[in-house]
Every structure is written in structure tokens, then in C-alpha cells.
């Protein structure tokens, strides 16, 4: 569980970096006013979808890291 929280934290930092890059790069800065001009339910839906995507990536990485121990055991048996 702690590993999942760490992976989620890392993914949130990466997504924050992507948001920061979209603000700092001038052509991508036009996306922010477009997003803010959308109706509130769509903004909330896109935010929930982004959070779900981060959660999905976190759980996939967590399962993969858990499976590494089984991979090592198989390699040692050979």
C-alpha cells in the first residue's frame, strides 16, 4: 500500500510537470483558457478522468513491481 501511494505521488508530480510545461510553453498556453471556458461539469469530468488515469497507471505499475519478485524466483530456478 505504501508503494502504491509513492507511485501515485510520483505520477501526480509528473502530471503536475506536464501541466506546468503546458503553461510555460507559449503555444500550449492557449489550451488553458479553452479548458476554463468549458462548462463546469465538463471540467470536473475531465479532472476526474485524469485522476482515474493517474490511478490506473499507479495500480499497473504497482502490480508490475509486485510481479518482479516472482520473475526473480523463476530466473533463479532456471
PDB file of N, CA and C in Angstrom:
ATOM      1  N   UNK A   1       0.818  -1.193   0.000  1.00  0.00           N
ATOM      2  CA  UNK A   1       0.000   0.000   0.000  1.00  0.00           C
ATOM      3  C   UNK A   1       0.866   1.262   0.000  1.00  0.00           C
ATOM      4  N   UNK A   2       1.942   1.231   0.764  1.00  0.00           N
ATOM      5  CA  UNK A   2       2.819   2.400   0.804  1.00  0.00           C
ATOM      6  C   UNK A   2       3.467   2.612  -0.554  1.00  0.00           C
ATOM      7  N   UNK A   3       3.820   1.525  -1.220  1.00  0.00           N
ATOM      8  CA  UNK A   3       4.423   1.651  -2.543  1.00  0.00           C
ATOM      9  C   UNK A   3       3.434   2.273  -3.519  1.00  0.00           C
ATOM     10  N   UNK A   4       2.159   1.885  -3.408  1.00  0.00           N
ATOM     11  CA  UNK A   4       1.137   2.464  -4.283  1.00  0.00           C
ATOM     12  C   UNK A   4       1.027   3.967  -4.063  1.00  0.00           C
ATOM     13  N   UNK A   5       1.063   4.379  -2.810  1.00  0.00           N
ATOM     14  CA  UNK A   5       0.977   5.809  -2.511  1.00  0.00           C
ATOM     15  C   UNK A   5       2.193   6.534  -3.074  1.00  0.00           C
ATOM     16  N   UNK A   6       3.362   5.925  -2.983  1.00  0.00           N
ATOM     17  CA  UNK A   6       4.567   6.552  -3.529  1.00  0.00           C
ATOM     18  C   UNK A   6       4.494   6.656  -5.048  1.00  0.00           C
ATOM     19  N   UNK A   7       4.040   5.594  -5.690  1.00  0.00           N
ATOM     20  CA  UNK A   7       3.921   5.625  -7.153  1.00  0.00           C
ATOM     21  C   UNK A   7       2.882   6.654  -7.563  1.00  0.00           C
ATOM     22  N   UNK A   8       1.757   6.717  -6.840  1.00  0.00           N
ATOM     23  CA  UNK A   8       0.750   7.729  -7.153  1.00  0.00           C
ATOM     24  C   UNK A   8       1.304   9.137  -6.956  1.00  0.00           C
ATOM     25  N   UNK A   9       2.075   9.324  -5.904  1.00  0.00           N
ATOM     26  CA  UNK A   9       2.700  10.628  -5.690  1.00  0.00           C
ATOM     27  C   UNK A   9       3.626  10.996  -6.831  1.00  0.00           C
ATOM     28  N   UNK A  10       4.401  10.032  -7.286  1.00  0.00           N
ATOM     29  CA  UNK A  10       5.300  10.279  -8.410  1.00  0.00           C
ATOM     30  C   UNK A  10       4.514  10.617  -9.673  1.00  0.00           C
ATOM     31  N   UNK A  11       3.446   9.875  -9.928  1.00  0.00           N
ATOM     32  CA  UNK A  11       2.637  10.146 -11.110  1.00  0.00           C
ATOM     33  C   UNK A  11       1.950  11.507 -11.019  1.00  0.00           C
ATOM     34  N   UNK A  12       1.544  11.904  -9.813  1.00  0.00           N
ATOM     35  CA  UNK A  12       0.943  13.227  -9.647  1.00  0.00           C
ATOM     36  C   UNK A  12       1.980  14.321  -9.908  1.00  0.00           C
ATOM     37  N   UNK A  13       3.229  14.092  -9.460  1.00  0.00           N
ATOM     38  CA  UNK A  13       4.277  15.076  -9.732  1.00  0.00           C
ATOM     39  C   UNK A  13       4.547  15.176 -11.227  1.00  0.00           C
ATOM     40  N   UNK A  14       4.547  14.045 -11.920  1.00  0.00           N
ATOM     41  CA  UNK A  14       4.763  14.057 -13.369  1.00  0.00           C
ATOM     42  C   UNK A  14       3.615  14.787 -14.062  1.00  0.00           C
ATOM     43  N   UNK A  15       2.380  14.511 -13.644  1.00  0.00           N
ATOM     44  CA  UNK A  15       1.249  15.209 -14.266  1.00  0.00           C
ATOM     45  C   UNK A  15       1.297  16.710 -13.954  1.00  0.00           C
ATOM     46  N   UNK A  16       1.756  17.072 -12.762  1.00  0.00           N
ATOM     47  CA  UNK A  16       1.935  18.493 -12.446  1.00  0.00           C
ATOM     48  C   UNK A  16       2.994  19.122 -13.323  1.00  0.00           C
ATOM     49  N   UNK A  17       4.062  18.373 -13.601  1.00  0.00           N
ATOM     50  CA  UNK A  17       5.098  18.871 -14.504  1.00  0.00           C
ATOM     51  C   UNK A  17       4.575  19.072 -15.906  1.00  0.00           C
ATOM     52  N   UNK A  18       3.727  18.168 -16.359  1.00  0.00           N
ATOM     53  CA  UNK A  18       3.135  18.317 -17.690  1.00  0.00           C
ATOM     54  C   UNK A  18       2.244  19.558 -17.725  1.00  0.00           C
ATOM     55  N   UNK A  19       1.478  19.767 -16.670  1.00  0.00           N
ATOM     56  CA  UNK A  19       0.625  20.963 -16.611  1.00  0.00           C
ATOM     57  C   UNK A  19       1.488  22.221 -16.598  1.00  0.00           C
ATOM     58  N   UNK A  20       2.575  22.194 -15.852  1.00  0.00           N
ATOM     59  CA  UNK A  20       3.480  23.337 -15.810  1.00  0.00           C
ATOM     60  C   UNK A  20       4.089  23.597 -17.191  1.00  0.00           C
ATOM     61  N   UNK A  21       4.482  22.532 -17.885  1.00  0.00           N
ATOM     62  CA  UNK A  21       5.037  22.702 -19.229  1.00  0.00           C
ATOM     63  C   UNK A  21       4.012  23.289 -20.190  1.00  0.00           C
ATOM     64  N   UNK A  22       2.753  22.848 -20.074  1.00  0.00           N
ATOM     65  CA  UNK A  22       1.747  23.409 -20.975  1.00  0.00           C
ATOM     66  C   UNK A  22       1.526  24.886 -20.693  1.00  0.00           C
ATOM     67  N   UNK A  23       1.787  25.331 -19.472  1.00  0.00           N
ATOM     68  CA  UNK A  23       1.641  26.753 -19.183  1.00  0.00           C
ATOM     69  C   UNK A  23       2.873  27.542 -19.627  1.00  0.00           C
ATOM     70  N   UNK A  24       4.050  26.964 -19.483  1.00  0.00           N
ATOM     71  CA  UNK A  24       5.274  27.689 -19.795  1.00  0.00           C
ATOM     72  C   UNK A  24       5.557  27.768 -21.291  1.00  0.00           C
ATOM     73  N   UNK A  25       5.149  26.766 -22.050  1.00  0.00           N
ATOM     74  CA  UNK A  25       5.357  26.776 -23.499  1.00  0.00           C
ATOM     75  C   UNK A  25       4.221  27.590 -24.114  1.00  0.00           C
ATOM     76  N   UNK A  26       4.572  28.650 -24.795  1.00  0.00           N
ATOM     77  CA  UNK A  26       3.590  29.633 -25.265  1.00  0.00           C
ATOM     78  C   UNK A  26       2.501  29.045 -26.164  1.00  0.00           C
ATOM     79  N   UNK A  27       2.807  28.213 -27.169  1.00  0.00           N
ATOM     80  CA  UNK A  27       1.697  27.694 -27.986  1.00  0.00           C
ATOM     81  C   UNK A  27       0.729  26.813 -27.195  1.00  0.00           C
ATOM     82  N   UNK A  28       1.245  26.120 -26.181  1.00  0.00           N
ATOM     83  CA  UNK A  28       0.360  25.265 -25.392  1.00  0.00           C
ATOM     84  C   UNK A  28      -0.448  26.064 -24.371  1.00  0.00           C
ATOM     85  N   UNK A  29      -0.046  27.300 -24.112  1.00  0.00           N
ATOM     86  CA  UNK A  29      -0.748  28.134 -23.140  1.00  0.00           C
ATOM     87  C   UNK A  29      -2.169  28.445 -23.601  1.00  0.00           C
ATOM     88  N   UNK A  30      -2.423  28.315 -24.877  1.00  0.00           N
ATOM     89  CA  UNK A  30      -3.773  28.583 -25.371  1.00  0.00           C
ATOM     90  C   UNK A  30      -4.762  27.512 -24.932  1.00  0.00           C
ATOM     91  N   UNK A  31      -4.280  26.351 -24.482  1.00  0.00           N
ATOM     92  CA  UNK A  31      -5.175  25.288 -24.021  1.00  0.00           C
ATOM     93  C   UNK A  31      -5.863  25.655 -22.712  1.00  0.00           C
ATOM     94  N   UNK A  32      -5.172  26.402 -21.839  1.00  0.00           N
ATOM     95  CA  UNK A  32      -5.729  26.713 -20.528  1.00  0.00           C
ATOM     96  C   UNK A  32      -7.004  27.560 -20.617  1.00  0.00           C
ATOM     97  N   UNK A  33      -7.011  28.668 -21.370  1.00  0.00           N
ATOM     98  CA  UNK A  33      -8.281  29.424 -21.480  1.00  0.00           C
ATOM     99  C   UNK A  33      -9.381  28.600 -22.146  1.00  0.00           C
ATOM    100  N   UNK A  34      -9.010  27.740 -23.083  1.00  0.00           N
ATOM    101  CA  UNK A  34     -10.007  26.876 -23.715  1.00  0.00           C
ATOM    102  C   UNK A  34     -10.621  25.945 -22.677  1.00  0.00           C
ATOM    103  N   UNK A  35      -9.793  25.362 -21.813  1.00  0.00           N
ATOM    104  CA  UNK A  35     -10.285  24.462 -20.779  1.00  0.00           C
ATOM    105  C   UNK A  35     -11.178  25.223 -19.794  1.00  0.00           C
ATOM    106  N   UNK A  36     -10.766  26.437 -19.413  1.00  0.00           N
ATOM    107  CA  UNK A  36     -11.542  27.215 -18.451  1.00  0.00           C
ATOM    108  C   UNK A  36     -12.855  27.713 -19.054  1.00  0.00           C
ATOM    109  N   UNK A  37     -12.943  27.790 -20.375  1.00  0.00           N
ATOM    110  CA  UNK A  37     -14.188  28.252 -20.999  1.00  0.00           C
ATOM    111  C   UNK A  37     -15.220  27.128 -21.104  1.00  0.00           C
ATOM    112  N   UNK A  38     -14.811  25.886 -20.852  1.00  0.00           N
ATOM    113  CA  UNK A  38     -15.758  24.772 -20.891  1.00  0.00           C
ATOM    114  C   UNK A  38     -16.713  24.864 -19.706  1.00  0.00           C
ATOM    115  N   UNK A  39     -17.897  24.286 -19.833  1.00  0.00           N
ATOM    116  CA  UNK A  39     -18.826  24.275 -18.692  1.00  0.00           C
ATOM    117  C   UNK A  39     -18.233  23.491 -17.509  1.00  0.00           C
ATOM    118  N   UNK A  40     -18.648  23.856 -16.294  1.00  0.00           N
ATOM    119  CA  UNK A  40     -18.100  23.259 -15.079  1.00  0.00           C
ATOM    120  C   UNK A  40     -18.249  21.733 -15.048  1.00  0.00           C
ATOM    121  N   UNK A  41     -19.384  21.142 -15.436  1.00  0.00           N
ATOM    122  CA  UNK A  41     -19.463  19.674 -15.406  1.00  0.00           C
ATOM    123  C   UNK A  41     -18.427  18.990 -16.310  1.00  0.00           C
ATOM    124  N   UNK A  42     -18.128  19.601 -17.434  1.00  0.00           N
ATOM    125  CA  UNK A  42     -17.124  19.021 -18.330  1.00  0.00           C
ATOM    126  C   UNK A  42     -15.740  19.155 -17.713  1.00  0.00           C
ATOM    127  N   UNK A  43     -15.459  20.296 -17.074  1.00  0.00           N
ATOM    128  CA  UNK A  43     -14.174  20.462 -16.392  1.00  0.00           C
ATOM    129  C   UNK A  43     -14.014  19.421 -15.296  1.00  0.00           C
ATOM    130  N   UNK A  44     -15.061  19.215 -14.501  1.00  0.00           N
ATOM    131  CA  UNK A  44     -14.998  18.215 -13.434  1.00  0.00           C
ATOM    132  C   UNK A  44     -14.841  16.807 -14.006  1.00  0.00           C
ATOM    133  N   UNK A  45     -15.535  16.539 -15.093  1.00  0.00           N
ATOM    134  CA  UNK A  45     -15.423  15.232 -15.726  1.00  0.00           C
ATOM    135  C   UNK A  45     -14.023  14.968 -16.258  1.00  0.00           C
ATOM    136  N   UNK A  46     -13.431  15.973 -16.884  1.00  0.00           N
ATOM    137  CA  UNK A  46     -12.062  15.816 -17.382  1.00  0.00           C
ATOM    138  C   UNK A  46     -11.067  15.662 -16.225  1.00  0.00           C
ATOM    139  N   UNK A  47     -11.303  16.389 -15.138  1.00  0.00           N
ATOM    140  CA  UNK A  47     -10.441  16.240 -13.963  1.00  0.00           C
ATOM    141  C   UNK A  47     -10.556  14.856 -13.353  1.00  0.00           C
ATOM    142  N   UNK A  48     -11.782  14.351 -13.249  1.00  0.00           N
ATOM    143  CA  UNK A  48     -11.987  13.007 -12.708  1.00  0.00           C
ATOM    144  C   UNK A  48     -11.369  11.951 -13.628  1.00  0.00           C
ATOM    145  N   UNK A  49     -11.480  12.168 -14.927  1.00  0.00           N
ATOM    146  CA  UNK A  49     -10.884  11.225 -15.872  1.00  0.00           C
ATOM    147  C   UNK A  49      -9.361  11.229 -15.765  1.00  0.00           C
ATOM    148  N   UNK A  50      -8.775  12.407 -15.606  1.00  0.00           N
ATOM    149  CA  UNK A  50      -7.319  12.495 -15.447  1.00  0.00           C
ATOM    150  C   UNK A  50      -6.874  11.829 -14.160  1.00  0.00           C
ATOM    151  N   UNK A  51      -7.617  12.034 -13.077  1.00  0.00           N
ATOM    152  CA  UNK A  51      -7.286  11.385 -11.812  1.00  0.00           C
ATOM    153  C   UNK A  51      -7.432   9.867 -11.928  1.00  0.00           C
ATOM    154  N   UNK A  52      -8.449   9.416 -12.622  1.00  0.00           N
ATOM    155  CA  UNK A  52      -8.620   7.982 -12.850  1.00  0.00           C
ATOM    156  C   UNK A  52      -7.489   7.400 -13.679  1.00  0.00           C
ATOM    157  N   UNK A  53      -7.010   8.146 -14.649  1.00  0.00           N
ATOM    158  CA  UNK A  53      -5.892   7.687 -15.463  1.00  0.00           C
ATOM    159  C   UNK A  53      -4.627   7.575 -14.627  1.00  0.00           C
ATOM    160  N   UNK A  54      -4.389   8.559 -13.758  1.00  0.00           N
ATOM    161  CA  UNK A  54      -3.227   8.505 -12.875  1.00  0.00           C
ATOM    162  C   UNK A  54      -3.343   7.311 -11.934  1.00  0.00           C
ATOM    163  N   UNK A  55      -4.534   7.069 -11.407  1.00  0.00           N
ATOM    164  CA  UNK A  55      -4.753   5.927 -10.525  1.00  0.00           C
ATOM    165  C   UNK A  55      -4.546   4.609 -11.262  1.00  0.00           C
ATOM    166  N   UNK A  56      -5.022   4.530 -12.492  1.00  0.00           N
ATOM    167  CA  UNK A  56      -4.827   3.330 -13.291  1.00  0.00           C
ATOM    168  C   UNK A  56      -3.347   3.057 -13.543  1.00  0.00           C
ATOM    169  N   UNK A  57      -2.597   4.089 -13.941  1.00  0.00           N
ATOM    170  CA  UNK A  57      -1.161   3.926 -14.153  1.00  0.00           C
ATOM    171  C   UNK A  57      -0.464   3.501 -12.867  1.00  0.00           C
ATOM    172  N   UNK A  58      -0.892   4.077 -11.752  1.00  0.00           N
ATOM    173  CA  UNK A  58      -0.288   3.721 -10.469  1.00  0.00           C
ATOM    174  C   UNK A  58      -0.515   2.268 -10.112  1.00  0.00           C
ATOM    175  N   UNK A  59      -1.727   1.785 -10.306  1.00  0.00           N
ATOM    176  CA  UNK A  59      -2.001   0.394  -9.964  1.00  0.00           C
ATOM    177  C   UNK A  59      -1.304  -0.567 -10.920  1.00  0.00           C
ATOM    178  N   UNK A  60      -1.204  -0.197 -12.189  1.00  0.00           N
ATOM    179  CA  UNK A  60      -0.489  -1.054 -13.143  1.00  0.00           C
ATOM    180  C   UNK A  60       0.991  -1.141 -12.772  1.00  0.00           C
ATOM    181  N   UNK A  61       1.594  -0.010 -12.457  1.00  0.00           N
ATOM    182  CA  UNK A  61       2.999  -0.027 -12.042  1.00  0.00           C
ATOM    183  C   UNK A  61       3.183  -0.795 -10.748  1.00  0.00           C
ATOM    184  N   UNK A  62       2.252  -0.643  -9.813  1.00  0.00           N
ATOM    185  CA  UNK A  62       2.343  -1.343  -8.543  1.00  0.00           C
ATOM    186  C   UNK A  62       2.287  -2.855  -8.749  1.00  0.00           C
ATOM    187  N   UNK A  63       1.343  -3.323  -9.571  1.00  0.00           N
ATOM    188  CA  UNK A  63       1.255  -4.758  -9.852  1.00  0.00           C
ATOM    189  C   UNK A  63       2.508  -5.259 -10.545  1.00  0.00           C
ATOM    190  N   UNK A  64       3.054  -4.452 -11.439  1.00  0.00           N
ATOM    191  CA  UNK A  64       4.271  -4.867 -12.142  1.00  0.00           C
ATOM    192  C   UNK A  64       5.443  -4.966 -11.179  1.00  0.00           C
ATOM    193  N   UNK A  65       5.554  -4.017 -10.262  1.00  0.00           N
ATOM    194  CA  UNK A  65       6.631  -4.077  -9.282  1.00  0.00           C
ATOM    195  C   UNK A  65       6.452  -5.259  -8.341  1.00  0.00           C
ATOM    196  N   UNK A  66       5.226  -5.608  -8.025  1.00  0.00           N
ATOM    197  CA  UNK A  66       4.972  -6.780  -7.186  1.00  0.00           C
ATOM    198  C   UNK A  66       5.355  -8.063  -7.928  1.00  0.00           C
ATOM    199  N   UNK A  67       5.148  -8.107  -9.226  1.00  0.00           N
ATOM    200  CA  UNK A  67       5.430  -9.304 -10.003  1.00  0.00           C
ATOM    201  C   UNK A  67       6.926  -9.501 -10.236  1.00  0.00           C
ATOM    202  N   UNK A  68       7.725  -8.492  -9.971  1.00  0.00           N
ATOM    203  CA  UNK A  68       9.168  -8.628 -10.180  1.00  0.00           C
ATOM    204  C   UNK A  68       9.767  -9.695  -9.287  1.00  0.00           C
ATOM    205  N   UNK A  69       9.246  -9.854  -8.072  1.00  0.00           N
ATOM    206  CA  UNK A  69       9.750 -10.893  -7.169  1.00  0.00           C
ATOM    207  C   UNK A  69       9.497 -12.277  -7.756  1.00  0.00           C
ATOM    208  N   UNK A  70       8.329 -12.475  -8.342  1.00  0.00           N
ATOM    209  CA  UNK A  70       8.032 -13.761  -8.975  1.00  0.00           C
ATOM    210  C   UNK A  70       8.938 -13.983 -10.183  1.00  0.00           C
ATOM    211  N   UNK A  71       9.237 -12.938 -10.928  1.00  0.00           N
ATOM    212  CA  UNK A  71      10.151 -13.060 -12.066  1.00  0.00           C
ATOM    213  C   UNK A  71      11.537 -13.471 -11.608  1.00  0.00           C
ATOM    214  N   UNK A  72      11.999 -12.886 -10.502  1.00  0.00           N
ATOM    215  CA  UNK A  72      13.333 -13.247  -9.980  1.00  0.00           C
ATOM    216  C   UNK A  72      13.354 -14.703  -9.533  1.00  0.00           C
ATOM    217  N   UNK A  73      12.282 -15.174  -8.916  1.00  0.00           N
ATOM    218  CA  UNK A  73      12.233 -16.569  -8.462  1.00  0.00           C
ATOM    219  C   UNK A  73      12.273 -17.519  -9.647  1.00  0.00           C
ATOM    220  N   UNK A  74      11.575 -17.170 -10.727  1.00  0.00           N
ATOM    221  CA  UNK A  74      11.623 -18.015 -11.931  1.00  0.00           C
ATOM    222  C   UNK A  74      13.017 -18.046 -12.539  1.00  0.00           C
ATOM    223  N   UNK A  75      13.665 -16.914 -12.558  1.00  0.00           N
ATOM    224  CA  UNK A  75      15.020 -16.844 -13.130  1.00  0.00           C
ATOM    225  C   UNK A  75      15.997 -17.671 -12.307  1.00  0.00           C
ATOM    226  N   UNK A  76      15.857 -17.645 -10.973  1.00  0.00           N
ATOM    227  CA  UNK A  76      16.748 -18.401 -10.120  1.00  0.00           C
ATOM    228  C   UNK A  76      16.522 -19.902 -10.245  1.00  0.00           C
ATOM    229  N   UNK A  77      15.290 -20.313 -10.524  1.00  0.00           N
ATOM    230  CA  UNK A  77      15.010 -21.746 -10.687  1.00  0.00           C
ATOM    231  C   UNK A  77      15.655 -22.314 -11.930  1.00  0.00           C
ATOM    232  N   UNK A  78      15.832 -21.491 -12.948  1.00  0.00           N
ATOM    233  CA  UNK A  78      16.435 -21.982 -14.182  1.00  0.00           C
ATOM    234  C   UNK A  78      17.925 -22.067 -13.963  1.00  0.00           C
TER     235      UNK A  78
END
